[in-house]
Amino acid sequence: MTLLKIARMGHPVLIAKAEPVPDPTAREIRELADSMVETMTDAHGVGLAAPQVHIGKRVIVFLAPEERAAGEAPTDVAPLTALVNPTWEPLEEETVLGWEGCLSIPGLSGAVPRYKRIRYQGLTPQGQPVEREATGFHARVVQHECDHLDGVLFLMRMTDFRLIGFNEELRQYMMKPEAETPPE
C-alpha cells in the first residue's frame, strides 16, 4: 500500500467524469482501493474517490462510523467499504441540509442538501456484490463520494453560500447541539 497525493480543488481530474472499471477484480484496482483506504485514514477522512487521488476511475472507499450516525437506524452505519462502479438512487424525495467537508477542499465546510434515504450498489475489488440502503450520514457520504465520480464537488451542490466557511471559524458554531443541521 502507498499513501497517494490528494488532488485539490482546481485540478482538472476533479471536474472530469471518471471512467467505468472494466474488471473490478483486477490486481491494480485492489491495490488502488487498499492505497485509497490508507490515504483516507492518514488524512482523517471518511470517504475518498479515485479522482481525488488523480485517477479517473469509478472507485470509492468510505465508512460511516457509529459515532457519526444519527443512531436512529442501522442503515446510518457502514463498515469500511470499497466499491467499484457504484451507483445509487434515492428511496424518497426528502432531502436534508447537512455540513460537509472534503479532503480535496481542505479547511472549508458547507451545508449541502442530500437525499435522506438511498439505495446503492457496486462490486468490491474482490468481486463481491454490495447492495445496501443508507440513511443519514451514511447516505450523505455515499452521495458525496459518488459525486466525485461525476466531476461534482460539494460546493456545486450548495444552495446557500452563506452556509460555507473555514473550519476554524465554523467550529464554535458547529459544536453547539442545536447547530448540527444548518438553518434552512
N, C-alpha and C. Protein backbone atom coordinates (compact mmCIF):
# COMPACT_ATOMS: atom_id res chain seq x y z
N MET A 1 0.84 -1.18 0.00
CA MET A 1 0.00 0.00 0.00
C MET A 1 0.88 1.24 0.00
N THR A 2 0.30 2.29 -0.54
CA THR A 2 1.03 3.53 -0.69
C THR A 2 0.14 4.71 -0.34
N LEU A 3 0.70 5.70 0.32
CA LEU A 3 -0.04 6.95 0.52
C LEU A 3 -0.05 7.69 -0.81
N LEU A 4 -1.22 8.11 -1.22
CA LEU A 4 -1.39 8.79 -2.50
C LEU A 4 -1.57 10.29 -2.29
N LYS A 5 -1.17 11.07 -3.27
CA LYS A 5 -1.34 12.52 -3.20
C LYS A 5 -2.79 12.87 -3.49
N ILE A 6 -3.39 13.71 -2.66
CA ILE A 6 -4.78 14.11 -2.82
C ILE A 6 -4.86 15.35 -3.71
N ALA A 7 -5.66 15.26 -4.77
CA ALA A 7 -5.88 16.40 -5.67
C ALA A 7 -6.72 17.44 -4.94
N ARG A 8 -6.38 18.71 -5.15
CA ARG A 8 -7.14 19.78 -4.54
C ARG A 8 -7.97 20.50 -5.59
N MET A 9 -9.04 21.15 -5.12
CA MET A 9 -9.94 21.89 -6.00
C MET A 9 -9.11 22.76 -6.94
N GLY A 10 -9.46 22.71 -8.21
CA GLY A 10 -8.72 23.42 -9.24
C GLY A 10 -8.01 22.46 -10.19
N HIS A 11 -7.74 21.24 -9.71
CA HIS A 11 -7.11 20.24 -10.58
C HIS A 11 -8.19 19.68 -11.51
N PRO A 12 -7.90 19.57 -12.81
CA PRO A 12 -8.92 19.11 -13.77
C PRO A 12 -9.49 17.72 -13.51
N VAL A 13 -8.75 16.85 -12.84
CA VAL A 13 -9.25 15.49 -12.58
C VAL A 13 -10.51 15.53 -11.72
N LEU A 14 -10.67 16.58 -10.92
CA LEU A 14 -11.82 16.66 -10.01
C LEU A 14 -13.11 17.10 -10.69
N ILE A 15 -13.03 17.61 -11.90
CA ILE A 15 -14.25 18.03 -12.60
C ILE A 15 -14.51 17.20 -13.85
N ALA A 16 -13.75 16.12 -14.01
CA ALA A 16 -13.95 15.21 -15.14
C ALA A 16 -14.76 14.00 -14.69
N LYS A 17 -15.52 13.43 -15.59
CA LYS A 17 -16.28 12.21 -15.28
C LYS A 17 -15.30 11.03 -15.30
N ALA A 18 -15.34 10.22 -14.25
CA ALA A 18 -14.45 9.06 -14.14
C ALA A 18 -14.94 7.94 -15.05
N GLU A 19 -14.01 7.15 -15.52
CA GLU A 19 -14.29 6.04 -16.42
C GLU A 19 -14.71 4.79 -15.64
N PRO A 20 -15.68 4.03 -16.17
CA PRO A 20 -16.02 2.74 -15.54
C PRO A 20 -14.81 1.80 -15.55
N VAL A 21 -14.76 0.93 -14.57
CA VAL A 21 -13.68 -0.04 -14.46
C VAL A 21 -14.14 -1.33 -15.14
N PRO A 22 -13.47 -1.75 -16.23
CA PRO A 22 -13.93 -2.95 -16.94
C PRO A 22 -13.78 -4.24 -16.13
N ASP A 23 -12.72 -4.36 -15.32
CA ASP A 23 -12.51 -5.55 -14.50
C ASP A 23 -12.34 -5.12 -13.04
N PRO A 24 -13.44 -5.09 -12.28
CA PRO A 24 -13.36 -4.65 -10.88
C PRO A 24 -12.42 -5.47 -10.01
N THR A 25 -12.08 -6.69 -10.44
CA THR A 25 -11.21 -7.54 -9.62
C THR A 25 -9.75 -7.51 -10.06
N ALA A 26 -9.41 -6.64 -11.00
CA ALA A 26 -8.03 -6.54 -11.46
C ALA A 26 -7.10 -6.17 -10.30
N ARG A 27 -5.90 -6.73 -10.33
CA ARG A 27 -4.94 -6.50 -9.25
C ARG A 27 -4.71 -5.01 -9.00
N GLU A 28 -4.60 -4.22 -10.07
CA GLU A 28 -4.34 -2.79 -9.88
C GLU A 28 -5.51 -2.06 -9.20
N ILE A 29 -6.72 -2.57 -9.38
CA ILE A 29 -7.89 -1.98 -8.70
C ILE A 29 -7.86 -2.34 -7.22
N ARG A 30 -7.51 -3.57 -6.90
CA ARG A 30 -7.39 -3.97 -5.48
C ARG A 30 -6.29 -3.15 -4.80
N GLU A 31 -5.17 -2.97 -5.48
CA GLU A 31 -4.07 -2.17 -4.92
C GLU A 31 -4.48 -0.71 -4.78
N LEU A 32 -5.21 -0.19 -5.77
CA LEU A 32 -5.69 1.19 -5.69
C LEU A 32 -6.61 1.35 -4.48
N ALA A 33 -7.56 0.44 -4.31
CA ALA A 33 -8.50 0.53 -3.18
C ALA A 33 -7.75 0.48 -1.85
N ASP A 34 -6.78 -0.42 -1.74
CA ASP A 34 -6.00 -0.51 -0.50
C ASP A 34 -5.24 0.79 -0.22
N SER A 35 -4.65 1.37 -1.25
CA SER A 35 -3.91 2.62 -1.08
C SER A 35 -4.86 3.78 -0.78
N MET A 36 -6.06 3.75 -1.36
CA MET A 36 -7.04 4.79 -1.07
C MET A 36 -7.48 4.71 0.40
N VAL A 37 -7.67 3.51 0.91
CA VAL A 37 -8.04 3.35 2.33
C VAL A 37 -6.92 3.91 3.21
N GLU A 38 -5.69 3.58 2.89
CA GLU A 38 -4.56 4.07 3.68
C GLU A 38 -4.48 5.61 3.62
N THR A 39 -4.69 6.16 2.44
CA THR A 39 -4.64 7.62 2.26
C THR A 39 -5.78 8.30 3.02
N MET A 40 -6.99 7.76 2.90
CA MET A 40 -8.15 8.31 3.60
C MET A 40 -7.93 8.29 5.11
N THR A 41 -7.44 7.18 5.62
CA THR A 41 -7.20 7.03 7.05
C THR A 41 -6.13 8.02 7.52
N ASP A 42 -5.06 8.14 6.76
CA ASP A 42 -3.98 9.06 7.10
C ASP A 42 -4.47 10.51 7.13
N ALA A 43 -5.41 10.84 6.25
CA ALA A 43 -5.95 12.21 6.16
C ALA A 43 -7.13 12.43 7.11
N HIS A 44 -7.49 11.42 7.90
CA HIS A 44 -8.60 11.50 8.85
C HIS A 44 -9.93 11.77 8.15
N GLY A 45 -10.11 11.13 6.98
CA GLY A 45 -11.35 11.26 6.24
C GLY A 45 -12.26 10.08 6.46
N VAL A 46 -13.48 10.18 5.93
CA VAL A 46 -14.43 9.09 6.00
C VAL A 46 -14.82 8.61 4.60
N GLY A 47 -14.24 9.21 3.58
CA GLY A 47 -14.52 8.80 2.22
C GLY A 47 -13.47 9.35 1.29
N LEU A 48 -13.27 8.64 0.17
CA LEU A 48 -12.30 9.07 -0.83
C LEU A 48 -12.69 8.42 -2.16
N ALA A 49 -12.64 9.20 -3.22
CA ALA A 49 -12.92 8.70 -4.57
C ALA A 49 -11.63 8.72 -5.37
N ALA A 50 -11.50 7.79 -6.32
CA ALA A 50 -10.27 7.69 -7.11
C ALA A 50 -9.87 9.01 -7.78
N PRO A 51 -10.81 9.81 -8.32
CA PRO A 51 -10.38 11.08 -8.89
C PRO A 51 -9.67 11.99 -7.88
N GLN A 52 -9.97 11.84 -6.61
CA GLN A 52 -9.31 12.65 -5.59
C GLN A 52 -7.84 12.29 -5.41
N VAL A 53 -7.45 11.12 -5.93
CA VAL A 53 -6.03 10.74 -5.90
C VAL A 53 -5.49 10.65 -7.32
N HIS A 54 -6.04 11.50 -8.19
CA HIS A 54 -5.56 11.70 -9.56
C HIS A 54 -5.79 10.51 -10.48
N ILE A 55 -6.79 9.67 -10.17
CA ILE A 55 -7.06 8.51 -11.00
C ILE A 55 -8.52 8.56 -11.43
N GLY A 56 -8.76 8.73 -12.71
CA GLY A 56 -10.11 8.90 -13.25
C GLY A 56 -10.85 7.59 -13.44
N LYS A 57 -10.96 6.81 -12.38
CA LYS A 57 -11.68 5.54 -12.40
C LYS A 57 -12.82 5.59 -11.39
N ARG A 58 -13.87 4.79 -11.61
CA ARG A 58 -15.05 4.78 -10.75
C ARG A 58 -14.83 3.83 -9.56
N VAL A 59 -14.05 4.31 -8.59
CA VAL A 59 -13.74 3.56 -7.38
C VAL A 59 -13.88 4.52 -6.19
N ILE A 60 -14.57 4.05 -5.14
CA ILE A 60 -14.68 4.84 -3.91
C ILE A 60 -14.40 3.95 -2.71
N VAL A 61 -13.96 4.59 -1.63
CA VAL A 61 -13.84 3.93 -0.33
C VAL A 61 -14.49 4.84 0.69
N PHE A 62 -15.10 4.26 1.71
CA PHE A 62 -15.78 5.07 2.71
C PHE A 62 -16.11 4.23 3.93
N LEU A 63 -16.51 4.91 5.00
CA LEU A 63 -17.09 4.28 6.16
C LEU A 63 -18.02 5.29 6.81
N ALA A 64 -18.99 4.79 7.53
CA ALA A 64 -19.90 5.64 8.30
C ALA A 64 -19.89 5.09 9.72
N PRO A 65 -18.96 5.58 10.54
CA PRO A 65 -18.81 5.04 11.89
C PRO A 65 -20.01 5.37 12.78
N GLU A 66 -20.20 4.51 13.76
CA GLU A 66 -21.34 4.66 14.67
C GLU A 66 -21.36 6.02 15.36
N GLU A 67 -20.18 6.53 15.71
CA GLU A 67 -20.15 7.82 16.40
C GLU A 67 -20.59 9.00 15.52
N ARG A 68 -20.64 8.82 14.20
CA ARG A 68 -21.12 9.87 13.29
C ARG A 68 -22.58 9.66 12.90
N ALA A 69 -23.14 8.49 13.22
CA ALA A 69 -24.51 8.17 12.81
C ALA A 69 -25.51 8.85 13.73
N ALA A 70 -26.68 9.09 13.20
CA ALA A 70 -27.75 9.70 14.00
C ALA A 70 -28.27 8.72 15.05
N GLY A 71 -28.01 7.42 14.86
CA GLY A 71 -28.42 6.43 15.83
C GLY A 71 -29.86 6.00 15.72
N GLU A 72 -30.56 6.44 14.70
CA GLU A 72 -31.97 6.12 14.57
C GLU A 72 -32.22 4.84 13.78
N ALA A 73 -31.29 4.46 12.92
CA ALA A 73 -31.50 3.29 12.07
C ALA A 73 -30.17 2.58 11.84
N PRO A 74 -30.19 1.26 11.70
CA PRO A 74 -28.94 0.55 11.42
C PRO A 74 -28.33 0.96 10.07
N THR A 75 -29.15 1.54 9.19
CA THR A 75 -28.64 1.96 7.89
C THR A 75 -27.82 3.25 7.98
N ASP A 76 -27.71 3.82 9.19
CA ASP A 76 -26.87 5.01 9.39
C ASP A 76 -25.39 4.64 9.47
N VAL A 77 -25.08 3.37 9.68
CA VAL A 77 -23.71 2.92 9.93
C VAL A 77 -23.24 2.03 8.78
N ALA A 78 -21.97 2.19 8.39
CA ALA A 78 -21.39 1.32 7.36
C ALA A 78 -19.96 1.00 7.74
N PRO A 79 -19.56 -0.26 7.56
CA PRO A 79 -18.17 -0.62 7.80
C PRO A 79 -17.29 -0.04 6.68
N LEU A 80 -16.00 -0.13 6.85
CA LEU A 80 -15.08 0.28 5.79
C LEU A 80 -15.44 -0.49 4.52
N THR A 81 -15.70 0.25 3.45
CA THR A 81 -16.20 -0.35 2.22
C THR A 81 -15.43 0.22 1.03
N ALA A 82 -15.06 -0.64 0.11
CA ALA A 82 -14.50 -0.22 -1.18
C ALA A 82 -15.48 -0.69 -2.26
N LEU A 83 -15.88 0.22 -3.14
CA LEU A 83 -16.81 -0.11 -4.21
C LEU A 83 -16.26 0.31 -5.56
N VAL A 84 -16.46 -0.57 -6.52
CA VAL A 84 -16.07 -0.30 -7.90
C VAL A 84 -17.36 -0.15 -8.71
N ASN A 85 -17.37 0.87 -9.57
CA ASN A 85 -18.54 1.18 -10.40
C ASN A 85 -19.83 1.31 -9.59
N PRO A 86 -19.80 2.10 -8.50
CA PRO A 86 -21.01 2.23 -7.69
C PRO A 86 -22.10 3.03 -8.39
N THR A 87 -23.33 2.72 -8.05
CA THR A 87 -24.48 3.50 -8.49
C THR A 87 -25.39 3.67 -7.27
N TRP A 88 -26.26 4.67 -7.33
CA TRP A 88 -27.20 4.87 -6.23
C TRP A 88 -28.47 5.51 -6.76
N GLU A 89 -29.52 5.39 -5.93
CA GLU A 89 -30.80 6.00 -6.26
C GLU A 89 -31.47 6.45 -4.97
N PRO A 90 -32.22 7.56 -5.03
CA PRO A 90 -32.95 7.97 -3.83
C PRO A 90 -34.13 7.04 -3.59
N LEU A 91 -34.45 6.80 -2.33
CA LEU A 91 -35.60 5.97 -1.99
C LEU A 91 -36.81 6.82 -1.61
N GLU A 92 -36.58 8.10 -1.43
CA GLU A 92 -37.66 9.06 -1.20
C GLU A 92 -37.14 10.42 -1.63
N GLU A 93 -38.03 11.35 -1.82
CA GLU A 93 -37.65 12.67 -2.32
C GLU A 93 -37.11 13.61 -1.25
N GLU A 94 -37.31 13.26 0.03
CA GLU A 94 -36.89 14.16 1.11
C GLU A 94 -35.38 14.36 1.11
N THR A 95 -34.98 15.62 1.20
CA THR A 95 -33.56 15.96 1.34
C THR A 95 -33.36 16.64 2.69
N VAL A 96 -32.13 16.58 3.17
CA VAL A 96 -31.77 17.25 4.40
C VAL A 96 -30.49 18.04 4.17
N LEU A 97 -30.39 19.15 4.85
CA LEU A 97 -29.22 20.01 4.76
C LEU A 97 -28.25 19.57 5.84
N GLY A 98 -27.00 19.35 5.48
CA GLY A 98 -26.00 18.93 6.46
C GLY A 98 -24.62 19.44 6.09
N TRP A 99 -23.77 19.56 7.10
CA TRP A 99 -22.42 20.06 6.90
C TRP A 99 -21.55 19.01 6.24
N GLU A 100 -20.76 19.45 5.27
CA GLU A 100 -19.80 18.57 4.60
C GLU A 100 -18.47 19.28 4.44
N GLY A 101 -17.43 18.48 4.49
CA GLY A 101 -16.10 18.93 4.15
C GLY A 101 -15.58 17.99 3.08
N CYS A 102 -14.37 18.22 2.62
CA CYS A 102 -13.82 17.39 1.56
C CYS A 102 -12.30 17.44 1.63
N LEU A 103 -11.67 16.28 1.50
CA LEU A 103 -10.22 16.23 1.52
C LEU A 103 -9.60 17.01 0.36
N SER A 104 -10.37 17.22 -0.71
CA SER A 104 -9.87 17.99 -1.85
C SER A 104 -10.13 19.48 -1.72
N ILE A 105 -10.85 19.87 -0.68
CA ILE A 105 -11.12 21.29 -0.40
C ILE A 105 -10.77 21.50 1.07
N PRO A 106 -9.48 21.41 1.40
CA PRO A 106 -9.09 21.44 2.81
C PRO A 106 -9.44 22.75 3.49
N GLY A 107 -9.92 22.61 4.73
CA GLY A 107 -10.17 23.77 5.56
C GLY A 107 -11.54 24.41 5.42
N LEU A 108 -12.36 23.95 4.47
CA LEU A 108 -13.68 24.54 4.25
C LEU A 108 -14.76 23.51 4.53
N SER A 109 -15.90 23.99 5.02
CA SER A 109 -17.10 23.17 5.16
C SER A 109 -18.28 23.98 4.69
N GLY A 110 -19.30 23.27 4.22
CA GLY A 110 -20.50 23.95 3.76
C GLY A 110 -21.72 23.07 3.97
N ALA A 111 -22.88 23.70 3.96
CA ALA A 111 -24.15 22.99 4.14
C ALA A 111 -24.67 22.57 2.78
N VAL A 112 -24.89 21.27 2.61
CA VAL A 112 -25.26 20.70 1.33
C VAL A 112 -26.56 19.91 1.48
N PRO A 113 -27.53 20.12 0.58
CA PRO A 113 -28.73 19.29 0.61
C PRO A 113 -28.43 17.92 -0.01
N ARG A 114 -28.85 16.86 0.65
CA ARG A 114 -28.66 15.49 0.15
C ARG A 114 -29.93 14.70 0.43
N TYR A 115 -30.15 13.66 -0.39
CA TYR A 115 -31.26 12.76 -0.12
C TYR A 115 -31.04 12.08 1.22
N LYS A 116 -32.13 11.98 1.97
CA LYS A 116 -32.08 11.40 3.32
C LYS A 116 -31.93 9.89 3.29
N ARG A 117 -32.51 9.25 2.28
CA ARG A 117 -32.53 7.78 2.22
C ARG A 117 -32.24 7.32 0.80
N ILE A 118 -31.24 6.46 0.65
CA ILE A 118 -30.84 5.98 -0.68
C ILE A 118 -30.60 4.47 -0.66
N ARG A 119 -30.50 3.92 -1.86
CA ARG A 119 -30.03 2.54 -2.05
C ARG A 119 -28.84 2.64 -2.99
N TYR A 120 -27.77 1.92 -2.65
CA TYR A 120 -26.60 1.92 -3.54
C TYR A 120 -26.11 0.51 -3.76
N GLN A 121 -25.35 0.36 -4.84
CA GLN A 121 -24.79 -0.94 -5.16
C GLN A 121 -23.47 -0.77 -5.90
N GLY A 122 -22.72 -1.84 -5.94
CA GLY A 122 -21.43 -1.87 -6.63
C GLY A 122 -20.77 -3.20 -6.33
N LEU A 123 -19.55 -3.33 -6.80
CA LEU A 123 -18.78 -4.54 -6.53
C LEU A 123 -17.56 -4.19 -5.70
N THR A 124 -17.19 -5.08 -4.80
CA THR A 124 -15.93 -4.90 -4.07
C THR A 124 -14.79 -5.24 -5.03
N PRO A 125 -13.56 -4.85 -4.71
CA PRO A 125 -12.42 -5.23 -5.55
C PRO A 125 -12.18 -6.75 -5.56
N GLN A 126 -12.86 -7.48 -4.69
CA GLN A 126 -12.78 -8.94 -4.70
C GLN A 126 -13.90 -9.55 -5.53
N GLY A 127 -14.76 -8.72 -6.12
CA GLY A 127 -15.84 -9.19 -6.97
C GLY A 127 -17.14 -9.48 -6.25
N GLN A 128 -17.23 -9.17 -4.97
CA GLN A 128 -18.45 -9.41 -4.20
C GLN A 128 -19.46 -8.29 -4.44
N PRO A 129 -20.70 -8.63 -4.77
CA PRO A 129 -21.71 -7.57 -4.93
C PRO A 129 -22.11 -6.99 -3.58
N VAL A 130 -22.32 -5.69 -3.56
CA VAL A 130 -22.79 -4.99 -2.37
C VAL A 130 -24.03 -4.22 -2.77
N GLU A 131 -25.09 -4.39 -2.00
CA GLU A 131 -26.30 -3.58 -2.17
C GLU A 131 -26.81 -3.26 -0.78
N ARG A 132 -26.94 -1.97 -0.50
CA ARG A 132 -27.36 -1.53 0.83
C ARG A 132 -28.31 -0.35 0.72
N GLU A 133 -29.12 -0.21 1.76
CA GLU A 133 -29.87 1.02 1.96
C GLU A 133 -29.08 1.85 2.95
N ALA A 134 -29.15 3.16 2.78
CA ALA A 134 -28.41 4.06 3.67
C ALA A 134 -29.28 5.25 4.03
N THR A 135 -29.11 5.71 5.27
CA THR A 135 -29.80 6.90 5.74
C THR A 135 -28.77 7.80 6.41
N GLY A 136 -29.19 9.02 6.70
CA GLY A 136 -28.37 9.93 7.48
C GLY A 136 -26.97 10.13 6.93
N PHE A 137 -26.00 10.12 7.84
CA PHE A 137 -24.60 10.37 7.49
C PHE A 137 -24.09 9.37 6.46
N HIS A 138 -24.46 8.12 6.61
CA HIS A 138 -24.07 7.06 5.68
C HIS A 138 -24.50 7.43 4.25
N ALA A 139 -25.76 7.82 4.09
CA ALA A 139 -26.27 8.22 2.77
C ALA A 139 -25.53 9.44 2.25
N ARG A 140 -25.23 10.39 3.12
CA ARG A 140 -24.52 11.61 2.73
C ARG A 140 -23.13 11.28 2.19
N VAL A 141 -22.41 10.41 2.89
CA VAL A 141 -21.05 10.05 2.48
C VAL A 141 -21.06 9.38 1.10
N VAL A 142 -21.97 8.44 0.89
CA VAL A 142 -22.04 7.74 -0.39
C VAL A 142 -22.35 8.72 -1.52
N GLN A 143 -23.32 9.60 -1.31
CA GLN A 143 -23.67 10.58 -2.35
C GLN A 143 -22.48 11.50 -2.64
N HIS A 144 -21.78 11.94 -1.59
CA HIS A 144 -20.62 12.83 -1.75
C HIS A 144 -19.54 12.15 -2.59
N GLU A 145 -19.21 10.90 -2.24
CA GLU A 145 -18.14 10.20 -2.96
C GLU A 145 -18.55 9.88 -4.40
N CYS A 146 -19.79 9.48 -4.61
CA CYS A 146 -20.25 9.21 -5.98
C CYS A 146 -20.27 10.49 -6.82
N ASP A 147 -20.54 11.64 -6.19
CA ASP A 147 -20.46 12.90 -6.92
C ASP A 147 -19.06 13.10 -7.51
N HIS A 148 -18.03 12.74 -6.75
CA HIS A 148 -16.66 12.89 -7.26
C HIS A 148 -16.46 12.11 -8.55
N LEU A 149 -17.14 10.99 -8.69
CA LEU A 149 -17.00 10.17 -9.90
C LEU A 149 -17.61 10.86 -11.12
N ASP A 150 -18.48 11.83 -10.88
CA ASP A 150 -19.12 12.58 -11.96
C ASP A 150 -18.57 14.00 -12.09
N GLY A 151 -17.46 14.27 -11.41
CA GLY A 151 -16.83 15.59 -11.51
C GLY A 151 -17.56 16.68 -10.74
N VAL A 152 -18.27 16.30 -9.68
CA VAL A 152 -19.06 17.26 -8.90
C VAL A 152 -18.45 17.39 -7.50
N LEU A 153 -18.15 18.63 -7.11
CA LEU A 153 -17.66 18.92 -5.77
C LEU A 153 -18.83 19.42 -4.92
N PHE A 154 -18.73 19.25 -3.60
CA PHE A 154 -19.87 19.60 -2.74
C PHE A 154 -20.28 21.06 -2.90
N LEU A 155 -19.35 21.94 -3.23
CA LEU A 155 -19.68 23.35 -3.42
C LEU A 155 -20.69 23.54 -4.55
N MET A 156 -20.64 22.67 -5.55
CA MET A 156 -21.55 22.74 -6.69
C MET A 156 -22.97 22.35 -6.31
N ARG A 157 -23.14 21.66 -5.20
CA ARG A 157 -24.46 21.23 -4.72
C ARG A 157 -25.08 22.22 -3.73
N MET A 158 -24.29 23.16 -3.26
CA MET A 158 -24.79 24.09 -2.25
C MET A 158 -25.86 25.00 -2.82
N THR A 159 -26.84 25.32 -1.98
CA THR A 159 -27.93 26.20 -2.40
C THR A 159 -27.90 27.54 -1.68
N ASP A 160 -27.07 27.66 -0.64
CA ASP A 160 -26.99 28.90 0.12
C ASP A 160 -25.52 29.13 0.51
N PHE A 161 -24.87 30.03 -0.20
CA PHE A 161 -23.45 30.25 0.03
C PHE A 161 -23.16 31.04 1.30
N ARG A 162 -24.18 31.42 2.04
CA ARG A 162 -23.95 31.98 3.36
C ARG A 162 -23.54 30.88 4.33
N LEU A 163 -23.78 29.61 3.95
CA LEU A 163 -23.50 28.48 4.82
C LEU A 163 -22.23 27.75 4.40
N ILE A 164 -21.18 28.51 4.16
CA ILE A 164 -19.86 27.95 3.88
C ILE A 164 -18.85 28.77 4.66
N GLY A 165 -17.82 28.10 5.12
CA GLY A 165 -16.80 28.86 5.85
C GLY A 165 -15.60 27.99 6.16
N PHE A 166 -14.60 28.66 6.68
CA PHE A 166 -13.40 27.96 7.12
C PHE A 166 -13.71 27.20 8.40
N ASN A 167 -13.18 26.00 8.50
CA ASN A 167 -13.47 25.14 9.65
C ASN A 167 -13.17 25.83 10.98
N GLU A 168 -12.05 26.57 11.05
CA GLU A 168 -11.70 27.24 12.30
C GLU A 168 -12.78 28.23 12.72
N GLU A 169 -13.38 28.90 11.75
CA GLU A 169 -14.40 29.89 12.04
C GLU A 169 -15.74 29.22 12.39
N LEU A 170 -16.03 28.10 11.74
CA LEU A 170 -17.31 27.41 11.96
C LEU A 170 -17.32 26.53 13.21
N ARG A 171 -16.15 26.12 13.67
CA ARG A 171 -16.06 25.13 14.74
C ARG A 171 -16.88 25.53 15.97
N GLN A 172 -16.78 26.76 16.39
CA GLN A 172 -17.52 27.20 17.58
C GLN A 172 -19.02 27.06 17.35
N TYR A 173 -19.51 27.44 16.18
CA TYR A 173 -20.93 27.34 15.87
C TYR A 173 -21.36 25.88 15.72
N MET A 174 -20.58 25.09 15.00
CA MET A 174 -20.96 23.71 14.71
C MET A 174 -20.93 22.81 15.93
N MET A 175 -20.20 23.17 16.97
CA MET A 175 -20.11 22.32 18.16
C MET A 175 -21.36 22.42 19.03
N LYS A 176 -22.18 23.42 18.81
CA LYS A 176 -23.40 23.56 19.58
C LYS A 176 -24.43 22.55 19.10
N PRO A 177 -25.06 21.79 20.00
CA PRO A 177 -26.02 20.75 19.59
C PRO A 177 -27.13 21.28 18.69
N GLU A 178 -27.61 22.47 18.94
CA GLU A 178 -28.71 22.99 18.11
C GLU A 178 -28.24 23.36 16.71
N ALA A 179 -26.93 23.34 16.46
CA ALA A 179 -26.40 23.74 15.16
C ALA A 179 -25.95 22.54 14.33
N GLU A 180 -26.29 21.33 14.73
CA GLU A 180 -25.89 20.14 13.96
C GLU A 180 -26.34 20.25 12.52
N THR A 181 -27.54 20.73 12.31
CA THR A 181 -28.04 20.92 10.95
C THR A 181 -28.20 22.42 10.73
N PRO A 182 -27.62 22.93 9.66
CA PRO A 182 -27.72 24.36 9.40
C PRO A 182 -29.17 24.79 9.18
N PRO A 183 -29.46 26.04 9.45
CA PRO A 183 -30.82 26.54 9.21
C PRO A 183 -31.16 26.48 7.73
N GLU A 184 -32.43 26.23 7.41
CA GLU A 184 -32.84 26.16 6.00
C GLU A 184 -33.32 27.50 5.52
